[in-house]
Amino acid sequence: MDNTLLKKTTMGMRPALTLLFACFAFLLVGCSGGPSRIEGIAEGMTKKEVVAVLGEPRYTSQVSGSEYLTYKVWRSFWRRAPGNYTDIHYVQFTNGRVVQYGDIRTLPDSMRSKIKE
């Protein structure tokens, strides 16, 4: 094969390979999934502050003197399974302040059954 033809072919592929690499890098960054909004919650916050971070809850439940708000939260990309992209998280308030929050599956079944998911 003529060296001139080989150089032209190789030079013509560089922009295509650069574009392919850029697209692949973009997809990886897009799929990494940043932190969920639930990570913006802290103990001691008021209900108004929580709603400002997470929005309106799916459900509100009263259990044993505490108020529970439940939210559907997107899973990080690496924890997703086909057809299952979200988790249910709760925020527990006592005396108007956050005392506990997290994935609802971490609560004991006896408590979880009383909270509307």
PDB file of N, CA and C in Angstrom:
ATOM      1  N   MET A   1       0.844  -1.177   0.000  1.00  0.00           N
ATOM      2  CA  MET A   1       0.000   0.000   0.000  1.00  0.00           C
ATOM      3  C   MET A   1       0.887   1.238   0.000  1.00  0.00           C
ATOM      4  N   ASP A   2       0.480   2.245  -0.693  1.00  0.00           N
ATOM      5  CA  ASP A   2       1.223   3.489  -0.802  1.00  0.00           C
ATOM      6  C   ASP A   2       1.177   4.227   0.541  1.00  0.00           C
ATOM      7  N   ASN A   3       2.343   4.714   1.007  1.00  0.00           N
ATOM      8  CA  ASN A   3       2.424   5.427   2.285  1.00  0.00           C
ATOM      9  C   ASN A   3       1.566   6.682   2.301  1.00  0.00           C
ATOM     10  N   THR A   4       1.425   7.364   1.187  1.00  0.00           N
ATOM     11  CA  THR A   4       0.611   8.572   1.116  1.00  0.00           C
ATOM     12  C   THR A   4      -0.845   8.244   1.379  1.00  0.00           C
ATOM     13  N   LEU A   5      -1.328   7.162   0.800  1.00  0.00           N
ATOM     14  CA  LEU A   5      -2.712   6.741   1.010  1.00  0.00           C
ATOM     15  C   LEU A   5      -2.934   6.344   2.467  1.00  0.00           C
ATOM     16  N   LEU A   6      -1.977   5.658   3.065  1.00  0.00           N
ATOM     17  CA  LEU A   6      -2.076   5.244   4.462  1.00  0.00           C
ATOM     18  C   LEU A   6      -2.141   6.469   5.378  1.00  0.00           C
ATOM     19  N   LYS A   7      -1.308   7.481   5.127  1.00  0.00           N
ATOM     20  CA  LYS A   7      -1.319   8.698   5.935  1.00  0.00           C
ATOM     21  C   LYS A   7      -2.656   9.424   5.811  1.00  0.00           C
ATOM     22  N   LYS A   8      -3.221   9.495   4.609  1.00  0.00           N
ATOM     23  CA  LYS A   8      -4.504  10.170   4.404  1.00  0.00           C
ATOM     24  C   LYS A   8      -5.621   9.445   5.153  1.00  0.00           C
ATOM     25  N   THR A   9      -5.598   8.108   5.107  1.00  0.00           N
ATOM     26  CA  THR A   9      -6.622   7.314   5.785  1.00  0.00           C
ATOM     27  C   THR A   9      -6.528   7.499   7.293  1.00  0.00           C
ATOM     28  N   THR A  10      -5.304   7.462   7.826  1.00  0.00           N
ATOM     29  CA  THR A  10      -5.097   7.635   9.259  1.00  0.00           C
ATOM     30  C   THR A  10      -5.506   9.031   9.709  1.00  0.00           C
ATOM     31  N   MET A  11      -5.148  10.036   8.946  1.00  0.00           N
ATOM     32  CA  MET A  11      -5.503  11.415   9.294  1.00  0.00           C
ATOM     33  C   MET A  11      -7.013  11.625   9.260  1.00  0.00           C
ATOM     34  N   GLY A  12      -7.690  10.950   8.344  1.00  0.00           N
ATOM     35  CA  GLY A  12      -9.143  11.082   8.243  1.00  0.00           C
ATOM     36  C   GLY A  12      -9.874  10.434   9.397  1.00  0.00           C
ATOM     37  N   MET A  13      -9.251   9.474  10.079  1.00  0.00           N
ATOM     38  CA  MET A  13      -9.883   8.772  11.188  1.00  0.00           C
ATOM     39  C   MET A  13      -9.747   9.526  12.511  1.00  0.00           C
ATOM     40  N   ARG A  14      -8.780  10.401  12.641  1.00  0.00           N
ATOM     41  CA  ARG A  14      -8.550  11.092  13.916  1.00  0.00           C
ATOM     42  C   ARG A  14      -9.761  11.888  14.388  1.00  0.00           C
ATOM     43  N   PRO A  15     -10.377  12.705  13.559  1.00  0.00           N
ATOM     44  CA  PRO A  15     -11.561  13.434  14.051  1.00  0.00           C
ATOM     45  C   PRO A  15     -12.689  12.498  14.481  1.00  0.00           C
ATOM     46  N   ALA A  16     -12.878  11.400  13.753  1.00  0.00           N
ATOM     47  CA  ALA A  16     -13.936  10.449  14.102  1.00  0.00           C
ATOM     48  C   ALA A  16     -13.634   9.774  15.435  1.00  0.00           C
ATOM     49  N   LEU A  17     -12.381   9.383  15.653  1.00  0.00           N
ATOM     50  CA  LEU A  17     -12.004   8.751  16.921  1.00  0.00           C
ATOM     51  C   LEU A  17     -12.101   9.744  18.080  1.00  0.00           C
ATOM     52  N   THR A  18     -11.715  10.988  17.835  1.00  0.00           N
ATOM     53  CA  THR A  18     -11.827  12.008  18.871  1.00  0.00           C
ATOM     54  C   THR A  18     -13.289  12.225  19.248  1.00  0.00           C
ATOM     55  N   LEU A  19     -14.159  12.283  18.264  1.00  0.00           N
ATOM     56  CA  LEU A  19     -15.587  12.452  18.521  1.00  0.00           C
ATOM     57  C   LEU A  19     -16.150  11.246  19.272  1.00  0.00           C
ATOM     58  N   LEU A  20     -15.760  10.052  18.876  1.00  0.00           N
ATOM     59  CA  LEU A  20     -16.217   8.836  19.547  1.00  0.00           C
ATOM     60  C   LEU A  20     -15.766   8.826  21.005  1.00  0.00           C
ATOM     61  N   PHE A  21     -14.522   9.165  21.255  1.00  0.00           N
ATOM     62  CA  PHE A  21     -14.003   9.207  22.619  1.00  0.00           C
ATOM     63  C   PHE A  21     -14.747  10.259  23.453  1.00  0.00           C
ATOM     64  N   ALA A  22     -14.992  11.434  22.885  1.00  0.00           N
ATOM     65  CA  ALA A  22     -15.708  12.497  23.594  1.00  0.00           C
ATOM     66  C   ALA A  22     -17.126  12.054  23.960  1.00  0.00           C
ATOM     67  N   CYS A  23     -17.801  11.374  23.040  1.00  0.00           N
ATOM     68  CA  CYS A  23     -19.159  10.879  23.317  1.00  0.00           C
ATOM     69  C   CYS A  23     -19.147   9.853  24.437  1.00  0.00           C
ATOM     70  N   PHE A  24     -18.177   8.957  24.407  1.00  0.00           N
ATOM     71  CA  PHE A  24     -18.067   7.922  25.433  1.00  0.00           C
ATOM     72  C   PHE A  24     -17.810   8.564  26.803  1.00  0.00           C
ATOM     73  N   ALA A  25     -16.908   9.538  26.860  1.00  0.00           N
ATOM     74  CA  ALA A  25     -16.608  10.226  28.120  1.00  0.00           C
ATOM     75  C   ALA A  25     -17.848  10.958  28.640  1.00  0.00           C
ATOM     76  N   PHE A  26     -18.594  11.590  27.747  1.00  0.00           N
ATOM     77  CA  PHE A  26     -19.813  12.297  28.131  1.00  0.00           C
ATOM     78  C   PHE A  26     -20.830  11.336  28.734  1.00  0.00           C
ATOM     79  N   LEU A  27     -20.985  10.167  28.127  1.00  0.00           N
ATOM     80  CA  LEU A  27     -21.926   9.174  28.643  1.00  0.00           C
ATOM     81  C   LEU A  27     -21.514   8.682  30.014  1.00  0.00           C
ATOM     82  N   LEU A  28     -20.245   8.451  30.226  1.00  0.00           N
ATOM     83  CA  LEU A  28     -19.787   7.999  31.533  1.00  0.00           C
ATOM     84  C   LEU A  28     -20.050   9.031  32.613  1.00  0.00           C
ATOM     85  N   VAL A  29     -19.796  10.272  32.323  1.00  0.00           N
ATOM     86  CA  VAL A  29     -20.030  11.333  33.292  1.00  0.00           C
ATOM     87  C   VAL A  29     -21.523  11.465  33.561  1.00  0.00           C
ATOM     88  N   GLY A  30     -22.340  11.386  32.539  1.00  0.00           N
ATOM     89  CA  GLY A  30     -23.780  11.511  32.701  1.00  0.00           C
ATOM     90  C   GLY A  30     -24.392  10.378  33.485  1.00  0.00           C
ATOM     91  N   CYS A  31     -23.815   9.198  33.401  1.00  0.00           N
ATOM     92  CA  CYS A  31     -24.369   8.033  34.083  1.00  0.00           C
ATOM     93  C   CYS A  31     -23.863   7.874  35.503  1.00  0.00           C
ATOM     94  N   SER A  32     -22.898   8.655  35.885  1.00  0.00           N
ATOM     95  CA  SER A  32     -22.307   8.457  37.205  1.00  0.00           C
ATOM     96  C   SER A  32     -23.286   8.787  38.311  1.00  0.00           C
ATOM     97  N   GLY A  33     -24.243   9.649  38.038  1.00  0.00           N
ATOM     98  CA  GLY A  33     -25.246   9.974  39.045  1.00  0.00           C
ATOM     99  C   GLY A  33     -24.631  10.642  40.249  1.00  0.00           C
ATOM    100  N   GLY A  34     -24.948  11.858  40.475  1.00  0.00           N
ATOM    101  CA  GLY A  34     -24.415  12.575  41.616  1.00  0.00           C
ATOM    102  C   GLY A  34     -25.154  12.196  42.879  1.00  0.00           C
ATOM    103  N   PRO A  35     -24.876  12.905  43.953  1.00  0.00           N
ATOM    104  CA  PRO A  35     -25.551  12.598  45.206  1.00  0.00           C
ATOM    105  C   PRO A  35     -27.040  12.890  45.096  1.00  0.00           C
ATOM    106  N   SER A  36     -27.839  12.119  45.815  1.00  0.00           N
ATOM    107  CA  SER A  36     -29.278  12.357  45.794  1.00  0.00           C
ATOM    108  C   SER A  36     -29.584  13.541  46.703  1.00  0.00           C
ATOM    109  N   ARG A  37     -30.744  14.107  46.535  1.00  0.00           N
ATOM    110  CA  ARG A  37     -31.133  15.265  47.337  1.00  0.00           C
ATOM    111  C   ARG A  37     -31.282  14.911  48.809  1.00  0.00           C
ATOM    112  N   ILE A  38     -31.493  13.639  49.133  1.00  0.00           N
ATOM    113  CA  ILE A  38     -31.663  13.251  50.537  1.00  0.00           C
ATOM    114  C   ILE A  38     -30.402  13.557  51.331  1.00  0.00           C
ATOM    115  N   GLU A  39     -29.267  13.628  50.655  1.00  0.00           N
ATOM    116  CA  GLU A  39     -28.016  13.932  51.343  1.00  0.00           C
ATOM    117  C   GLU A  39     -27.955  15.386  51.800  1.00  0.00           C
ATOM    118  N   GLY A  40     -28.922  16.195  51.383  1.00  0.00           N
ATOM    119  CA  GLY A  40     -28.993  17.583  51.828  1.00  0.00           C
ATOM    120  C   GLY A  40     -29.760  17.748  53.131  1.00  0.00           C
ATOM    121  N   ILE A  41     -30.232  16.643  53.706  1.00  0.00           N
ATOM    122  CA  ILE A  41     -31.009  16.676  54.946  1.00  0.00           C
ATOM    123  C   ILE A  41     -30.065  16.468  56.127  1.00  0.00           C
ATOM    124  N   ALA A  42     -30.354  17.147  57.225  1.00  0.00           N
ATOM    125  CA  ALA A  42     -29.549  16.998  58.440  1.00  0.00           C
ATOM    126  C   ALA A  42     -30.469  17.003  59.654  1.00  0.00           C
ATOM    127  N   GLU A  43     -30.029  16.345  60.711  1.00  0.00           N
ATOM    128  CA  GLU A  43     -30.798  16.347  61.953  1.00  0.00           C
ATOM    129  C   GLU A  43     -30.956  17.777  62.444  1.00  0.00           C
ATOM    130  N   GLY A  44     -32.129  18.068  62.992  1.00  0.00           N
ATOM    131  CA  GLY A  44     -32.404  19.392  63.525  1.00  0.00           C
ATOM    132  C   GLY A  44     -33.108  20.323  62.554  1.00  0.00           C
ATOM    133  N   MET A  45     -33.192  19.942  61.270  1.00  0.00           N
ATOM    134  CA  MET A  45     -33.874  20.793  60.288  1.00  0.00           C
ATOM    135  C   MET A  45     -35.373  20.814  60.584  1.00  0.00           C
ATOM    136  N   THR A  46     -36.023  21.887  60.181  1.00  0.00           N
ATOM    137  CA  THR A  46     -37.472  21.984  60.314  1.00  0.00           C
ATOM    138  C   THR A  46     -38.131  21.341  59.087  1.00  0.00           C
ATOM    139  N   LYS A  47     -39.441  21.140  59.191  1.00  0.00           N
ATOM    140  CA  LYS A  47     -40.187  20.570  58.067  1.00  0.00           C
ATOM    141  C   LYS A  47     -40.110  21.492  56.855  1.00  0.00           C
ATOM    142  N   LYS A  48     -40.197  22.788  57.099  1.00  0.00           N
ATOM    143  CA  LYS A  48     -40.129  23.761  56.005  1.00  0.00           C
ATOM    144  C   LYS A  48     -38.782  23.659  55.278  1.00  0.00           C
ATOM    145  N   GLU A  49     -37.699  23.482  56.017  1.00  0.00           N
ATOM    146  CA  GLU A  49     -36.367  23.349  55.414  1.00  0.00           C
ATOM    147  C   GLU A  49     -36.254  22.060  54.600  1.00  0.00           C
ATOM    148  N   VAL A  50     -36.815  20.983  55.124  1.00  0.00           N
ATOM    149  CA  VAL A  50     -36.781  19.703  54.412  1.00  0.00           C
ATOM    150  C   VAL A  50     -37.566  19.797  53.109  1.00  0.00           C
ATOM    151  N   VAL A  51     -38.743  20.391  53.166  1.00  0.00           N
ATOM    152  CA  VAL A  51     -39.565  20.541  51.967  1.00  0.00           C
ATOM    153  C   VAL A  51     -38.851  21.431  50.942  1.00  0.00           C
ATOM    154  N   ALA A  52     -38.094  22.411  51.399  1.00  0.00           N
ATOM    155  CA  ALA A  52     -37.339  23.266  50.481  1.00  0.00           C
ATOM    156  C   ALA A  52     -36.268  22.462  49.738  1.00  0.00           C
ATOM    157  N   VAL A  53     -35.693  21.442  50.391  1.00  0.00           N
ATOM    158  CA  VAL A  53     -34.653  20.615  49.768  1.00  0.00           C
ATOM    159  C   VAL A  53     -35.263  19.501  48.919  1.00  0.00           C
ATOM    160  N   LEU A  54     -36.230  18.784  49.473  1.00  0.00           N
ATOM    161  CA  LEU A  54     -36.766  17.588  48.822  1.00  0.00           C
ATOM    162  C   LEU A  54     -38.071  17.802  48.068  1.00  0.00           C
ATOM    163  N   GLY A  55     -38.753  18.896  48.326  1.00  0.00           N
ATOM    164  CA  GLY A  55     -40.061  19.102  47.730  1.00  0.00           C
ATOM    165  C   GLY A  55     -41.147  18.498  48.606  1.00  0.00           C
ATOM    166  N   GLU A  56     -42.348  18.496  48.085  1.00  0.00           N
ATOM    167  CA  GLU A  56     -43.480  17.934  48.843  1.00  0.00           C
ATOM    168  C   GLU A  56     -43.327  16.416  48.951  1.00  0.00           C
ATOM    169  N   PRO A  57     -43.637  15.859  50.121  1.00  0.00           N
ATOM    170  CA  PRO A  57     -43.501  14.408  50.292  1.00  0.00           C
ATOM    171  C   PRO A  57     -44.590  13.641  49.549  1.00  0.00           C
ATOM    172  N   ARG A  58     -44.303  12.368  49.292  1.00  0.00           N
ATOM    173  CA  ARG A  58     -45.326  11.482  48.716  1.00  0.00           C
ATOM    174  C   ARG A  58     -46.453  11.286  49.719  1.00  0.00           C
ATOM    175  N   TYR A  59     -46.059  10.977  50.955  1.00  0.00           N
ATOM    176  CA  TYR A  59     -47.030  10.717  52.017  1.00  0.00           C
ATOM    177  C   TYR A  59     -46.520  11.292  53.333  1.00  0.00           C
ATOM    178  N   THR A  60     -47.471  11.540  54.224  1.00  0.00           N
ATOM    179  CA  THR A  60     -47.168  11.957  55.589  1.00  0.00           C
ATOM    180  C   THR A  60     -47.893  10.998  56.517  1.00  0.00           C
ATOM    181  N   SER A  61     -47.175  10.513  57.545  1.00  0.00           N
ATOM    182  CA  SER A  61     -47.762   9.573  58.506  1.00  0.00           C
ATOM    183  C   SER A  61     -47.448  10.031  59.918  1.00  0.00           C
ATOM    184  N   GLN A  62     -48.392   9.795  60.834  1.00  0.00           N
ATOM    185  CA  GLN A  62     -48.186  10.057  62.259  1.00  0.00           C
ATOM    186  C   GLN A  62     -48.056   8.721  62.965  1.00  0.00           C
ATOM    187  N   VAL A  63     -46.926   8.501  63.639  1.00  0.00           N
ATOM    188  CA  VAL A  63     -46.700   7.237  64.357  1.00  0.00           C
ATOM    189  C   VAL A  63     -46.042   7.544  65.693  1.00  0.00           C
ATOM    190  N   SER A  64     -46.683   7.143  66.773  1.00  0.00           N
ATOM    191  CA  SER A  64     -46.120   7.264  68.128  1.00  0.00           C
ATOM    192  C   SER A  64     -45.556   8.651  68.427  1.00  0.00           C
ATOM    193  N   GLY A  65     -46.307   9.688  68.111  1.00  0.00           N
ATOM    194  CA  GLY A  65     -45.880  11.045  68.426  1.00  0.00           C
ATOM    195  C   GLY A  65     -44.863  11.645  67.468  1.00  0.00           C
ATOM    196  N   SER A  66     -44.492  10.924  66.426  1.00  0.00           N
ATOM    197  CA  SER A  66     -43.567  11.447  65.420  1.00  0.00           C
ATOM    198  C   SER A  66     -44.274  11.552  64.083  1.00  0.00           C
ATOM    199  N   GLU A  67     -43.815  12.477  63.282  1.00  0.00           N
ATOM    200  CA  GLU A  67     -44.331  12.637  61.926  1.00  0.00           C
ATOM    201  C   GLU A  67     -43.288  12.099  60.956  1.00  0.00           C
ATOM    202  N   TYR A  68     -43.748  11.309  59.994  1.00  0.00           N
ATOM    203  CA  TYR A  68     -42.866  10.733  58.984  1.00  0.00           C
ATOM    204  C   TYR A  68     -43.279  11.231  57.603  1.00  0.00           C
ATOM    205  N   LEU A  69     -42.331  11.761  56.866  1.00  0.00           N
ATOM    206  CA  LEU A  69     -42.547  12.128  55.470  1.00  0.00           C
ATOM    207  C   LEU A  69     -41.820  11.095  54.631  1.00  0.00           C
ATOM    208  N   THR A  70     -42.445  10.633  53.548  1.00  0.00           N
ATOM    209  CA  THR A  70     -41.777   9.673  52.667  1.00  0.00           C
ATOM    210  C   THR A  70     -41.577  10.288  51.291  1.00  0.00           C
ATOM    211  N   TYR A  71     -40.443   9.931  50.694  1.00  0.00           N
ATOM    212  CA  TYR A  71     -40.038  10.460  49.389  1.00  0.00           C
ATOM    213  C   TYR A  71     -39.531   9.331  48.510  1.00  0.00           C
ATOM    214  N   LYS A  72     -39.804   9.449  47.226  1.00  0.00           N
ATOM    215  CA  LYS A  72     -39.222   8.544  46.241  1.00  0.00           C
ATOM    216  C   LYS A  72     -37.947   9.223  45.755  1.00  0.00           C
ATOM    217  N   VAL A  73     -36.811   8.556  45.916  1.00  0.00           N
ATOM    218  CA  VAL A  73     -35.509   9.133  45.604  1.00  0.00           C
ATOM    219  C   VAL A  73     -34.819   8.274  44.546  1.00  0.00           C
ATOM    220  N   TRP A  74     -34.262   8.916  43.512  1.00  0.00           N
ATOM    221  CA  TRP A  74     -33.533   8.185  42.470  1.00  0.00           C
ATOM    222  C   TRP A  74     -32.313   7.510  43.062  1.00  0.00           C
ATOM    223  N   ARG A  75     -32.115   6.252  42.697  1.00  0.00           N
ATOM    224  CA  ARG A  75     -30.905   5.531  43.091  1.00  0.00           C
ATOM    225  C   ARG A  75     -29.726   6.031  42.287  1.00  0.00           C
ATOM    226  N   SER A  76     -28.533   5.859  42.851  1.00  0.00           N
ATOM    227  CA  SER A  76     -27.345   6.175  42.066  1.00  0.00           C
ATOM    228  C   SER A  76     -27.277   5.177  40.912  1.00  0.00           C
ATOM    229  N   PHE A  77     -26.629   5.544  39.860  1.00  0.00           N
ATOM    230  CA  PHE A  77     -26.575   4.720  38.652  1.00  0.00           C
ATOM    231  C   PHE A  77     -26.118   3.295  38.951  1.00  0.00           C
ATOM    232  N   TRP A  78     -25.128   3.143  39.803  1.00  0.00           N
ATOM    233  CA  TRP A  78     -24.527   1.826  40.051  1.00  0.00           C
ATOM    234  C   TRP A  78     -25.421   0.929  40.897  1.00  0.00           C
ATOM    235  N   ARG A  79     -26.433   1.472  41.571  1.00  0.00           N
ATOM    236  CA  ARG A  79     -27.337   0.656  42.391  1.00  0.00           C
ATOM    237  C   ARG A  79     -28.645   0.347  41.682  1.00  0.00           C
ATOM    238  N   ARG A  80     -28.809   0.822  40.467  1.00  0.00           N
ATOM    239  CA  ARG A  80     -30.070   0.601  39.756  1.00  0.00           C
ATOM    240  C   ARG A  80     -30.147  -0.813  39.210  1.00  0.00           C
ATOM    241  N   ALA A  81     -31.363  -1.299  39.139  1.00  0.00           N
ATOM    242  CA  ALA A  81     -31.645  -2.580  38.508  1.00  0.00           C
ATOM    243  C   ALA A  81     -32.685  -2.311  37.422  1.00  0.00           C
ATOM    244  N   PRO A  82     -32.696  -3.100  36.381  1.00  0.00           N
ATOM    245  CA  PRO A  82     -33.684  -2.855  35.316  1.00  0.00           C
ATOM    246  C   PRO A  82     -35.096  -2.768  35.886  1.00  0.00           C
ATOM    247  N   GLY A  83     -35.765  -1.661  35.586  1.00  0.00           N
ATOM    248  CA  GLY A  83     -37.138  -1.476  36.040  1.00  0.00           C
ATOM    249  C   GLY A  83     -37.261  -0.979  37.474  1.00  0.00           C
ATOM    250  N   ASN A  84     -36.163  -0.819  38.194  1.00  0.00           N
ATOM    251  CA  ASN A  84     -36.215  -0.379  39.585  1.00  0.00           C
ATOM    252  C   ASN A  84     -35.152   0.699  39.796  1.00  0.00           C
ATOM    253  N   TYR A  85     -35.553   1.950  39.643  1.00  0.00           N
ATOM    254  CA  TYR A  85     -34.596   3.051  39.664  1.00  0.00           C
ATOM    255  C   TYR A  85     -34.705   3.945  40.889  1.00  0.00           C
ATOM    256  N   THR A  86     -35.645   3.670  41.770  1.00  0.00           N
ATOM    257  CA  THR A  86     -35.845   4.549  42.919  1.00  0.00           C
ATOM    258  C   THR A  86     -35.909   3.763  44.220  1.00  0.00           C
ATOM    259  N   ASP A  87     -35.671   4.471  45.301  1.00  0.00           N
ATOM    260  CA  ASP A  87     -35.823   3.952  46.655  1.00  0.00           C
ATOM    261  C   ASP A  87     -36.802   4.865  47.379  1.00  0.00           C
ATOM    262  N   ILE A  88     -37.399   4.350  48.436  1.00  0.00           N
ATOM    263  CA  ILE A  88     -38.270   5.158  49.278  1.00  0.00           C
ATOM    264  C   ILE A  88     -37.459   5.546  50.517  1.00  0.00           C
ATOM    265  N   HIS A  89     -37.388   6.849  50.768  1.00  0.00           N
ATOM    266  CA  HIS A  89     -36.693   7.366  51.944  1.00  0.00           C
ATOM    267  C   HIS A  89     -37.705   8.039  52.853  1.00  0.00           C
ATOM    268  N   TYR A  90     -37.370   8.080  54.132  1.00  0.00           N
ATOM    269  CA  TYR A  90     -38.246   8.715  55.114  1.00  0.00           C
ATOM    270  C   TYR A  90     -37.478   9.807  55.845  1.00  0.00           C
ATOM    271  N   VAL A  91     -38.226  10.746  56.390  1.00  0.00           N
ATOM    272  CA  VAL A  91     -37.677  11.767  57.279  1.00  0.00           C
ATOM    273  C   VAL A  91     -38.590  11.773  58.498  1.00  0.00           C
ATOM    274  N   GLN A  92     -38.019  11.561  59.676  1.00  0.00           N
ATOM    275  CA  GLN A  92     -38.798  11.522  60.916  1.00  0.00           C
ATOM    276  C   GLN A  92     -38.625  12.831  61.673  1.00  0.00           C
ATOM    277  N   PHE A  93     -39.758  13.401  62.091  1.00  0.00           N
ATOM    278  CA  PHE A  93     -39.764  14.632  62.870  1.00  0.00           C
ATOM    279  C   PHE A  93     -40.326  14.358  64.252  1.00  0.00           C
ATOM    280  N   THR A  94     -39.681  14.898  65.255  1.00  0.00           N
ATOM    281  CA  THR A  94     -40.214  14.920  66.612  1.00  0.00           C
ATOM    282  C   THR A  94     -40.092  16.353  67.096  1.00  0.00           C
ATOM    283  N   ASN A  95     -41.178  16.883  67.626  1.00  0.00           N
ATOM    284  CA  ASN A  95     -41.226  18.285  68.056  1.00  0.00           C
ATOM    285  C   ASN A  95     -40.817  19.231  66.925  1.00  0.00           C
ATOM    286  N   GLY A  96     -41.212  18.915  65.705  1.00  0.00           N
ATOM    287  CA  GLY A  96     -40.993  19.798  64.565  1.00  0.00           C
ATOM    288  C   GLY A  96     -39.591  19.804  63.981  1.00  0.00           C
ATOM    289  N   ARG A  97     -38.727  18.906  64.446  1.00  0.00           N
ATOM    290  CA  ARG A  97     -37.345  18.858  63.970  1.00  0.00           C
ATOM    291  C   ARG A  97     -36.984  17.444  63.497  1.00  0.00           C
ATOM    292  N   VAL A  98     -36.100  17.376  62.493  1.00  0.00           N
ATOM    293  CA  VAL A  98     -35.634  16.077  61.993  1.00  0.00           C
ATOM    294  C   VAL A  98     -34.826  15.388  63.085  1.00  0.00           C
ATOM    295  N   VAL A  99     -35.200  14.141  63.373  1.00  0.00           N
ATOM    296  CA  VAL A  99     -34.440  13.346  64.337  1.00  0.00           C
ATOM    297  C   VAL A  99     -33.785  12.132  63.669  1.00  0.00           C
ATOM    298  N   GLN A 100     -34.328  11.748  62.493  1.00  0.00           N
ATOM    299  CA  GLN A 100     -33.798  10.579  61.802  1.00  0.00           C
ATOM    300  C   GLN A 100     -34.268  10.615  60.363  1.00  0.00           C
ATOM    301  N   TYR A 101     -33.463  10.058  59.454  1.00  0.00           N
ATOM    302  CA  TYR A 101     -33.855   9.979  58.050  1.00  0.00           C
ATOM    303  C   TYR A 101     -33.019   8.898  57.380  1.00  0.00           C
ATOM    304  N   GLY A 102     -33.518   8.408  56.244  1.00  0.00           N
ATOM    305  CA  GLY A 102     -32.769   7.402  55.502  1.00  0.00           C
ATOM    306  C   GLY A 102     -33.677   6.524  54.668  1.00  0.00           C
ATOM    307  N   ASP A 103     -33.115   5.425  54.192  1.00  0.00           N
ATOM    308  CA  ASP A 103     -33.843   4.448  53.385  1.00  0.00           C
ATOM    309  C   ASP A 103     -34.862   3.747  54.274  1.00  0.00           C
ATOM    310  N   ILE A 104     -36.087   3.679  53.819  1.00  0.00           N
ATOM    311  CA  ILE A 104     -37.152   3.107  54.644  1.00  0.00           C
ATOM    312  C   ILE A 104     -36.922   1.623  54.947  1.00  0.00           C
ATOM    313  N   ARG A 105     -36.136   0.960  54.107  1.00  0.00           N
ATOM    314  CA  ARG A 105     -35.849  -0.458  54.344  1.00  0.00           C
ATOM    315  C   ARG A 105     -34.980  -0.684  55.576  1.00  0.00           C
ATOM    316  N   THR A 106     -34.366   0.384  56.109  1.00  0.00           N
ATOM    317  CA  THR A 106     -33.526   0.237  57.301  1.00  0.00           C
ATOM    318  C   THR A 106     -34.348   0.244  58.587  1.00  0.00           C
ATOM    319  N   LEU A 107     -35.620   0.625  58.499  1.00  0.00           N
ATOM    320  CA  LEU A 107     -36.481   0.629  59.679  1.00  0.00           C
ATOM    321  C   LEU A 107     -36.943  -0.792  59.994  1.00  0.00           C
ATOM    322  N   PRO A 108     -37.180  -1.075  61.267  1.00  0.00           N
ATOM    323  CA  PRO A 108     -37.741  -2.380  61.624  1.00  0.00           C
ATOM    324  C   PRO A 108     -39.103  -2.567  60.946  1.00  0.00           C
ATOM    325  N   ASP A 109     -39.429  -3.802  60.592  1.00  0.00           N
ATOM    326  CA  ASP A 109     -40.691  -4.082  59.903  1.00  0.00           C
ATOM    327  C   ASP A 109     -41.903  -3.600  60.701  1.00  0.00           C
ATOM    328  N   SER A 110     -41.833  -3.697  62.034  1.00  0.00           N
ATOM    329  CA  SER A 110     -42.966  -3.264  62.860  1.00  0.00           C
ATOM    330  C   SER A 110     -43.221  -1.762  62.691  1.00  0.00           C
ATOM    331  N   MET A 111     -42.175  -0.973  62.525  1.00  0.00           N
ATOM    332  CA  MET A 111     -42.322   0.472  62.320  1.00  0.00           C
ATOM    333  C   MET A 111     -42.646   0.765  60.871  1.00  0.00           C
ATOM    334  N   ARG A 112     -41.980   0.076  59.973  1.00  0.00           N
ATOM    335  CA  ARG A 112     -42.178   0.319  58.542  1.00  0.00           C
ATOM    336  C   ARG A 112     -43.623   0.073  58.124  1.00  0.00           C
ATOM    337  N   SER A 113     -44.251  -0.921  58.709  1.00  0.00           N
ATOM    338  CA  SER A 113     -45.630  -1.251  58.328  1.00  0.00           C
ATOM    339  C   SER A 113     -46.614  -0.134  58.712  1.00  0.00           C
ATOM    340  N   LYS A 114     -46.239   0.757  59.630  1.00  0.00           N
ATOM    341  CA  LYS A 114     -47.115   1.843  60.052  1.00  0.00           C
ATOM    342  C   LYS A 114     -46.941   3.108  59.222  1.00  0.00           C
ATOM    343  N   ILE A 115     -45.875   3.148  58.427  1.00  0.00           N
ATOM    344  CA  ILE A 115     -45.575   4.346  57.624  1.00  0.00           C
ATOM    345  C   ILE A 115     -46.030   4.122  56.206  1.00  0.00           C
ATOM    346  N   LYS A 116     -46.786   5.067  55.678  1.00  0.00           N
ATOM    347  CA  LYS A 116     -47.268   4.963  54.306  1.00  0.00           C
ATOM    348  C   LYS A 116     -46.125   5.265  53.353  1.00  0.00           C
ATOM    349  N   GLU A 117     -45.860   4.311  52.469  1.00  0.00           N
ATOM    350  CA  GLU A 117     -44.764   4.455  51.525  1.00  0.00           C
ATOM    351  C   GLU A 117     -45.262   5.030  50.225  1.00  0.00           C
TER     352      GLU A 117
END
